[in-house]
Structure formats: structure tokens, C-alpha cells
Amino acid sequence: MILRILLIDMFIITIFMYLLLLGASKCKTAEEIEMEDIEQMEQLKNNCRRQSNDK
């Protein structure tokens, strides 16, 4: 019984988190999206360099 309640709660939390993340990404302007893309590209480049140095 307790397991069933926990599973239902986890499922509900998962749905709300998905909706929260989906809504947050829709509120961004084009400039914010572009800045995030640039930051992610820089992070990927830095991580690739680190992995190359580690080998």
C-alpha cells in the first residue's frame, strides 16, 4: 500500500517537473537561447580539451 502511494507520488512529481522545465524553456527570448548555446559550445570545447590532455 505504501509502495503504491510512493509510486503515484513520484509519477505526479515527474509530470510536474516536466511541465516546469517545458514552460521555462518557452519563456526564453532568442537572445537568451543564443547565449546558452554559446556557453554550451564553450563548455563542450573545454571538456574535449581536458579529455585530450588526460589521455
Protein backbone atom coordinates (compact mmCIF):
# COMPACT_ATOMS: atom_id res chain seq x y z
CA MET A 1 0.00 0.00 0.00
CA ILE A 2 2.75 2.43 0.96
CA LEU A 3 4.72 1.45 -2.14
CA ARG A 4 1.73 2.20 -4.36
CA ILE A 5 1.33 5.65 -2.77
CA LEU A 6 5.04 6.39 -3.23
CA LEU A 7 4.94 5.35 -6.88
CA ILE A 8 1.91 7.55 -7.56
CA ASP A 9 3.59 10.49 -5.79
CA MET A 10 6.77 10.01 -7.80
CA PHE A 11 4.78 9.88 -11.02
CA ILE A 12 2.94 13.10 -10.17
CA ILE A 13 6.20 14.85 -9.25
CA THR A 14 7.73 13.69 -12.54
CA ILE A 15 4.83 15.16 -14.53
CA PHE A 16 5.06 18.49 -12.70
CA MET A 17 8.84 18.69 -13.19
CA TYR A 18 8.41 18.01 -16.92
CA LEU A 19 5.81 20.76 -17.20
CA LEU A 20 8.01 23.14 -15.23
CA LEU A 21 11.00 22.54 -17.50
CA LEU A 22 8.88 22.75 -20.62
CA GLY A 23 7.37 26.05 -19.53
CA ALA A 24 10.73 27.50 -18.52
CA SER A 25 12.22 26.88 -21.95
CA LYS A 26 9.29 28.57 -23.71
CA CYS A 27 9.76 31.81 -21.78
CA LYS A 28 13.26 32.45 -23.09
CA THR A 29 13.97 35.11 -25.68
CA ALA A 30 16.01 34.40 -28.80
CA GLU A 31 18.97 36.22 -27.24
CA GLU A 32 18.88 34.05 -24.11
CA ILE A 33 18.71 30.90 -26.19
CA GLU A 34 21.65 32.05 -28.32
CA MET A 35 23.72 32.91 -25.23
CA GLU A 36 23.02 29.49 -23.72
CA ASP A 37 24.03 27.80 -26.97
CA ILE A 38 27.32 29.71 -26.98
CA GLU A 39 28.01 28.83 -23.34
CA GLN A 40 27.28 25.16 -24.00
CA MET A 41 29.60 25.14 -27.02
CA GLU A 42 32.40 26.65 -24.90
CA GLN A 43 31.85 24.04 -22.19
CA LEU A 44 31.98 21.23 -24.74
CA LYS A 45 35.22 22.60 -26.19
CA ASN A 46 36.77 22.88 -22.72
CA ASN A 47 35.72 19.34 -21.81
CA CYS A 48 37.13 17.95 -25.06
CA ARG A 49 40.46 19.67 -24.38
CA ARG A 50 40.56 18.29 -20.85
CA GLN A 51 39.86 14.76 -22.05
CA SER A 52 42.58 15.08 -24.69
CA ASN A 53 45.08 16.23 -22.06
CA ASP A 54 44.12 13.39 -19.71
CA LYS A 55 44.96 10.72 -22.30
